[in-house]
Amino acid sequence: MGNERVGGELVQGTLDLLILRTLARGDNHGWGIAQHIQRISQDVLRVEEGSLYPALRRLEVAGHLSAEWGPPAHNRRARFYRLSARGRKQLESEQRRWSALSAAIARVLETA
């Protein structure tokens, strides 16, 4: 039982929150964002490219991020993402929503 691996599936809508929170630390490229989330979650959360890049694009279109091509890393061009002022406001809103949701779930689990 001690060797069970916790699944890294994200609750719908949490990927945007994790990306915004990661970028609040500073600019980063997609692979760096995914690695940060995986490292901080102690390998529980793994963000696949097929989920990450559409989310980054969606956040950019919404005005929450800006992006520009940076210097090549590992012989590949990298697109670096930056949190915008609108993105900071969205992050605050998402964090409040997540806190309320997780507190509600905790209450249900404690009384079940």
N, C-alpha and C. Protein backbone atom coordinates (compact mmCIF):
# COMPACT_ATOMS: atom_id res chain seq x y z
N MET A 1 0.82 -1.19 0.00
CA MET A 1 0.00 0.00 0.00
C MET A 1 0.87 1.25 0.00
N GLY A 2 2.01 1.23 0.65
CA GLY A 2 2.88 2.38 0.70
C GLY A 2 3.50 2.72 -0.65
N ASN A 3 3.49 1.79 -1.59
CA ASN A 3 4.08 2.03 -2.90
C ASN A 3 3.08 2.54 -3.93
N GLU A 4 1.85 2.77 -3.52
CA GLU A 4 0.86 3.27 -4.47
C GLU A 4 1.26 4.64 -4.97
N ARG A 5 1.09 4.85 -6.27
CA ARG A 5 1.40 6.16 -6.87
C ARG A 5 0.12 6.96 -6.98
N VAL A 6 0.16 8.17 -6.48
CA VAL A 6 -0.99 9.05 -6.57
C VAL A 6 -1.10 9.53 -8.01
N GLY A 7 -2.30 9.48 -8.57
CA GLY A 7 -2.51 9.94 -9.94
C GLY A 7 -2.28 11.43 -10.04
N GLY A 8 -1.79 11.87 -11.18
CA GLY A 8 -1.49 13.27 -11.38
C GLY A 8 -2.54 13.99 -12.19
N GLU A 9 -3.76 13.50 -12.17
CA GLU A 9 -4.82 14.12 -12.95
C GLU A 9 -5.24 15.42 -12.27
N LEU A 10 -5.45 16.44 -13.09
CA LEU A 10 -5.83 17.75 -12.57
C LEU A 10 -7.34 17.92 -12.59
N VAL A 11 -7.86 18.56 -11.57
CA VAL A 11 -9.26 18.95 -11.55
C VAL A 11 -9.44 19.97 -12.66
N GLN A 12 -10.55 19.88 -13.37
CA GLN A 12 -10.78 20.78 -14.49
C GLN A 12 -10.60 22.24 -14.05
N GLY A 13 -9.84 22.99 -14.82
CA GLY A 13 -9.63 24.40 -14.53
C GLY A 13 -8.39 24.68 -13.69
N THR A 14 -7.77 23.67 -13.11
CA THR A 14 -6.61 23.95 -12.25
C THR A 14 -5.33 24.18 -13.04
N LEU A 15 -5.25 23.71 -14.27
CA LEU A 15 -4.03 23.91 -15.05
C LEU A 15 -3.77 25.41 -15.24
N ASP A 16 -4.79 26.17 -15.57
CA ASP A 16 -4.61 27.61 -15.74
C ASP A 16 -4.08 28.23 -14.44
N LEU A 17 -4.64 27.85 -13.32
CA LEU A 17 -4.19 28.36 -12.03
C LEU A 17 -2.72 28.02 -11.79
N LEU A 18 -2.33 26.79 -12.07
CA LEU A 18 -0.95 26.37 -11.85
C LEU A 18 0.02 27.12 -12.77
N ILE A 19 -0.39 27.35 -14.01
CA ILE A 19 0.45 28.09 -14.94
C ILE A 19 0.60 29.54 -14.47
N LEU A 20 -0.51 30.17 -14.13
CA LEU A 20 -0.46 31.56 -13.67
C LEU A 20 0.41 31.68 -12.43
N ARG A 21 0.24 30.76 -11.49
CA ARG A 21 1.02 30.81 -10.24
C ARG A 21 2.51 30.61 -10.52
N THR A 22 2.83 29.71 -11.42
CA THR A 22 4.23 29.47 -11.77
C THR A 22 4.84 30.72 -12.40
N LEU A 23 4.10 31.37 -13.28
CA LEU A 23 4.62 32.56 -13.95
C LEU A 23 4.66 33.78 -13.03
N ALA A 24 3.96 33.74 -11.91
CA ALA A 24 4.05 34.82 -10.93
C ALA A 24 5.47 34.89 -10.35
N ARG A 25 6.20 33.78 -10.44
CA ARG A 25 7.57 33.73 -9.96
C ARG A 25 8.53 34.39 -10.93
N GLY A 26 8.12 34.49 -12.22
CA GLY A 26 8.98 35.08 -13.25
C GLY A 26 8.72 34.43 -14.60
N ASP A 27 9.27 35.04 -15.63
CA ASP A 27 9.09 34.54 -17.00
C ASP A 27 9.63 33.11 -17.11
N ASN A 28 9.02 32.34 -18.00
CA ASN A 28 9.50 30.98 -18.21
C ASN A 28 8.97 30.48 -19.54
N HIS A 29 9.59 29.43 -20.04
CA HIS A 29 9.13 28.79 -21.26
C HIS A 29 8.28 27.58 -20.88
N GLY A 30 7.58 27.04 -21.85
CA GLY A 30 6.63 25.96 -21.58
C GLY A 30 7.22 24.78 -20.84
N TRP A 31 8.36 24.29 -21.31
CA TRP A 31 8.98 23.14 -20.68
C TRP A 31 9.36 23.47 -19.23
N GLY A 32 9.86 24.69 -19.01
CA GLY A 32 10.22 25.11 -17.65
C GLY A 32 9.02 25.18 -16.73
N ILE A 33 7.88 25.62 -17.27
CA ILE A 33 6.64 25.68 -16.48
C ILE A 33 6.23 24.27 -16.07
N ALA A 34 6.24 23.36 -17.04
CA ALA A 34 5.86 21.97 -16.75
C ALA A 34 6.79 21.34 -15.73
N GLN A 35 8.10 21.59 -15.86
CA GLN A 35 9.07 21.03 -14.93
C GLN A 35 8.89 21.59 -13.52
N HIS A 36 8.60 22.88 -13.43
CA HIS A 36 8.39 23.50 -12.12
C HIS A 36 7.18 22.87 -11.41
N ILE A 37 6.08 22.73 -12.14
CA ILE A 37 4.87 22.13 -11.56
C ILE A 37 5.16 20.71 -11.09
N GLN A 38 5.86 19.95 -11.91
CA GLN A 38 6.18 18.56 -11.55
C GLN A 38 7.10 18.51 -10.33
N ARG A 39 8.12 19.37 -10.30
CA ARG A 39 9.08 19.37 -9.19
C ARG A 39 8.41 19.80 -7.88
N ILE A 40 7.65 20.90 -7.91
CA ILE A 40 7.02 21.41 -6.69
C ILE A 40 5.96 20.44 -6.17
N SER A 41 5.30 19.72 -7.07
CA SER A 41 4.28 18.75 -6.64
C SER A 41 4.90 17.41 -6.25
N GLN A 42 6.21 17.34 -6.22
CA GLN A 42 6.95 16.13 -5.90
C GLN A 42 6.56 14.99 -6.83
N ASP A 43 6.53 15.30 -8.12
CA ASP A 43 6.26 14.35 -9.20
C ASP A 43 4.84 13.80 -9.22
N VAL A 44 3.93 14.43 -8.50
CA VAL A 44 2.54 13.98 -8.54
C VAL A 44 1.84 14.54 -9.77
N LEU A 45 2.08 15.82 -10.07
CA LEU A 45 1.44 16.47 -11.20
C LEU A 45 2.40 16.52 -12.38
N ARG A 46 1.96 15.97 -13.48
CA ARG A 46 2.76 15.99 -14.71
C ARG A 46 1.90 16.61 -15.80
N VAL A 47 2.37 17.70 -16.33
CA VAL A 47 1.61 18.42 -17.35
C VAL A 47 2.13 18.00 -18.72
N GLU A 48 1.26 17.40 -19.50
CA GLU A 48 1.63 16.94 -20.83
C GLU A 48 1.60 18.10 -21.82
N GLU A 49 2.44 18.01 -22.85
CA GLU A 49 2.50 19.06 -23.87
C GLU A 49 1.14 19.31 -24.51
N GLY A 50 0.37 18.24 -24.72
CA GLY A 50 -0.93 18.36 -25.35
C GLY A 50 -1.93 19.15 -24.53
N SER A 51 -1.68 19.31 -23.25
CA SER A 51 -2.52 20.12 -22.38
C SER A 51 -1.90 21.49 -22.15
N LEU A 52 -0.58 21.51 -21.98
CA LEU A 52 0.12 22.73 -21.61
C LEU A 52 0.04 23.81 -22.69
N TYR A 53 0.42 23.46 -23.91
CA TYR A 53 0.53 24.50 -24.93
C TYR A 53 -0.82 25.08 -25.35
N PRO A 54 -1.88 24.29 -25.44
CA PRO A 54 -3.19 24.92 -25.68
C PRO A 54 -3.61 25.84 -24.52
N ALA A 55 -3.27 25.47 -23.29
CA ALA A 55 -3.60 26.32 -22.14
C ALA A 55 -2.81 27.62 -22.19
N LEU A 56 -1.54 27.54 -22.54
CA LEU A 56 -0.72 28.75 -22.66
C LEU A 56 -1.29 29.66 -23.74
N ARG A 57 -1.67 29.10 -24.85
CA ARG A 57 -2.24 29.89 -25.95
C ARG A 57 -3.56 30.54 -25.52
N ARG A 58 -4.40 29.75 -24.84
CA ARG A 58 -5.70 30.27 -24.36
C ARG A 58 -5.48 31.44 -23.39
N LEU A 59 -4.52 31.30 -22.49
CA LEU A 59 -4.23 32.37 -21.53
C LEU A 59 -3.64 33.60 -22.22
N GLU A 60 -2.87 33.37 -23.27
CA GLU A 60 -2.31 34.48 -24.03
C GLU A 60 -3.42 35.23 -24.78
N VAL A 61 -4.31 34.50 -25.42
CA VAL A 61 -5.43 35.12 -26.15
C VAL A 61 -6.33 35.91 -25.19
N ALA A 62 -6.50 35.41 -23.98
CA ALA A 62 -7.34 36.09 -22.98
C ALA A 62 -6.65 37.32 -22.39
N GLY A 63 -5.39 37.52 -22.71
CA GLY A 63 -4.67 38.68 -22.20
C GLY A 63 -4.02 38.46 -20.85
N HIS A 64 -4.00 37.22 -20.38
CA HIS A 64 -3.40 36.92 -19.08
C HIS A 64 -1.89 36.74 -19.16
N LEU A 65 -1.41 36.44 -20.36
CA LEU A 65 0.02 36.24 -20.59
C LEU A 65 0.45 37.01 -21.82
N SER A 66 1.72 37.35 -21.86
CA SER A 66 2.34 37.80 -23.10
C SER A 66 3.47 36.82 -23.37
N ALA A 67 3.87 36.73 -24.63
CA ALA A 67 4.90 35.76 -24.98
C ALA A 67 5.81 36.34 -26.05
N GLU A 68 7.05 35.95 -25.99
CA GLU A 68 8.01 36.33 -27.02
C GLU A 68 9.07 35.25 -27.14
N TRP A 69 9.64 35.18 -28.32
CA TRP A 69 10.70 34.20 -28.56
C TRP A 69 11.96 34.66 -27.87
N GLY A 70 12.58 33.76 -27.14
CA GLY A 70 13.81 34.08 -26.44
C GLY A 70 14.99 33.39 -27.07
N PRO A 71 16.13 33.48 -26.45
CA PRO A 71 17.33 32.84 -26.98
C PRO A 71 17.18 31.32 -26.99
N PRO A 72 17.78 30.68 -27.97
CA PRO A 72 17.68 29.22 -28.05
C PRO A 72 18.25 28.55 -26.80
N ALA A 73 17.57 27.51 -26.38
CA ALA A 73 18.04 26.68 -25.27
C ALA A 73 18.09 25.24 -25.76
N HIS A 74 19.17 24.57 -25.54
CA HIS A 74 19.32 23.18 -25.98
C HIS A 74 19.08 23.06 -27.49
N ASN A 75 19.61 24.01 -28.25
CA ASN A 75 19.49 24.05 -29.70
C ASN A 75 18.06 24.16 -30.20
N ARG A 76 17.16 24.69 -29.37
CA ARG A 76 15.77 24.89 -29.76
C ARG A 76 15.36 26.30 -29.37
N ARG A 77 14.60 26.93 -30.25
CA ARG A 77 14.04 28.24 -29.89
C ARG A 77 12.99 28.03 -28.81
N ALA A 78 12.92 28.96 -27.90
CA ALA A 78 11.95 28.83 -26.80
C ALA A 78 11.09 30.08 -26.74
N ARG A 79 9.81 29.86 -26.54
CA ARG A 79 8.87 30.96 -26.37
C ARG A 79 8.71 31.19 -24.87
N PHE A 80 9.02 32.40 -24.42
CA PHE A 80 8.96 32.72 -23.01
C PHE A 80 7.66 33.46 -22.71
N TYR A 81 7.03 33.05 -21.63
CA TYR A 81 5.74 33.61 -21.23
C TYR A 81 5.91 34.49 -20.01
N ARG A 82 5.13 35.56 -19.97
CA ARG A 82 5.17 36.52 -18.87
C ARG A 82 3.73 36.80 -18.42
N LEU A 83 3.55 36.87 -17.13
CA LEU A 83 2.24 37.19 -16.56
C LEU A 83 1.95 38.67 -16.77
N SER A 84 0.77 38.99 -17.28
CA SER A 84 0.37 40.39 -17.48
C SER A 84 -0.36 40.90 -16.23
N ALA A 85 -0.64 42.20 -16.20
CA ALA A 85 -1.40 42.77 -15.08
C ALA A 85 -2.77 42.09 -15.00
N ARG A 86 -3.38 41.86 -16.15
CA ARG A 86 -4.67 41.15 -16.20
C ARG A 86 -4.51 39.72 -15.66
N GLY A 87 -3.39 39.10 -15.98
CA GLY A 87 -3.12 37.76 -15.49
C GLY A 87 -2.95 37.71 -13.98
N ARG A 88 -2.33 38.75 -13.41
CA ARG A 88 -2.18 38.81 -11.95
C ARG A 88 -3.54 38.89 -11.27
N LYS A 89 -4.44 39.68 -11.86
CA LYS A 89 -5.79 39.77 -11.31
C LYS A 89 -6.52 38.44 -11.44
N GLN A 90 -6.33 37.79 -12.58
CA GLN A 90 -6.95 36.48 -12.79
C GLN A 90 -6.40 35.46 -11.80
N LEU A 91 -5.11 35.51 -11.54
CA LEU A 91 -4.49 34.61 -10.57
C LEU A 91 -5.12 34.81 -9.19
N GLU A 92 -5.27 36.04 -8.76
CA GLU A 92 -5.90 36.31 -7.46
C GLU A 92 -7.31 35.74 -7.41
N SER A 93 -8.05 35.94 -8.47
CA SER A 93 -9.42 35.43 -8.54
C SER A 93 -9.44 33.90 -8.51
N GLU A 94 -8.57 33.28 -9.29
CA GLU A 94 -8.49 31.81 -9.34
C GLU A 94 -8.07 31.23 -7.98
N GLN A 95 -7.14 31.90 -7.30
CA GLN A 95 -6.69 31.42 -6.00
C GLN A 95 -7.83 31.49 -4.98
N ARG A 96 -8.60 32.56 -5.01
CA ARG A 96 -9.76 32.66 -4.09
C ARG A 96 -10.76 31.55 -4.38
N ARG A 97 -11.03 31.33 -5.66
CA ARG A 97 -11.98 30.29 -6.06
C ARG A 97 -11.49 28.91 -5.63
N TRP A 98 -10.18 28.65 -5.82
CA TRP A 98 -9.61 27.36 -5.44
C TRP A 98 -9.67 27.17 -3.92
N SER A 99 -9.37 28.20 -3.16
CA SER A 99 -9.42 28.11 -1.70
C SER A 99 -10.83 27.77 -1.23
N ALA A 100 -11.82 28.42 -1.82
CA ALA A 100 -13.22 28.14 -1.44
C ALA A 100 -13.60 26.71 -1.81
N LEU A 101 -13.21 26.27 -3.01
CA LEU A 101 -13.53 24.92 -3.46
C LEU A 101 -12.85 23.87 -2.59
N SER A 102 -11.56 24.04 -2.33
CA SER A 102 -10.85 23.03 -1.54
C SER A 102 -11.34 23.00 -0.09
N ALA A 103 -11.72 24.15 0.46
CA ALA A 103 -12.29 24.18 1.82
C ALA A 103 -13.63 23.45 1.85
N ALA A 104 -14.44 23.64 0.81
CA ALA A 104 -15.74 22.96 0.75
C ALA A 104 -15.55 21.45 0.66
N ILE A 105 -14.62 21.01 -0.16
CA ILE A 105 -14.34 19.57 -0.30
C ILE A 105 -13.84 19.01 1.03
N ALA A 106 -12.95 19.74 1.70
CA ALA A 106 -12.42 19.29 2.99
C ALA A 106 -13.56 19.13 4.00
N ARG A 107 -14.49 20.07 4.01
CA ARG A 107 -15.64 19.95 4.94
C ARG A 107 -16.44 18.69 4.66
N VAL A 108 -16.67 18.40 3.42
CA VAL A 108 -17.43 17.18 3.08
C VAL A 108 -16.67 15.95 3.50
N LEU A 109 -15.39 15.91 3.25
CA LEU A 109 -14.57 14.74 3.62
C LEU A 109 -14.50 14.55 5.12
N GLU A 110 -14.48 15.64 5.87
CA GLU A 110 -14.39 15.55 7.33
C GLU A 110 -15.69 15.06 7.95
N THR A 111 -16.82 15.30 7.29
CA THR A 111 -18.09 14.90 7.88
C THR A 111 -18.65 13.62 7.28
N ALA A 112 -18.02 13.11 6.27
CA ALA A 112 -18.56 11.90 5.59
C ALA A 112 -18.36 10.66 6.42
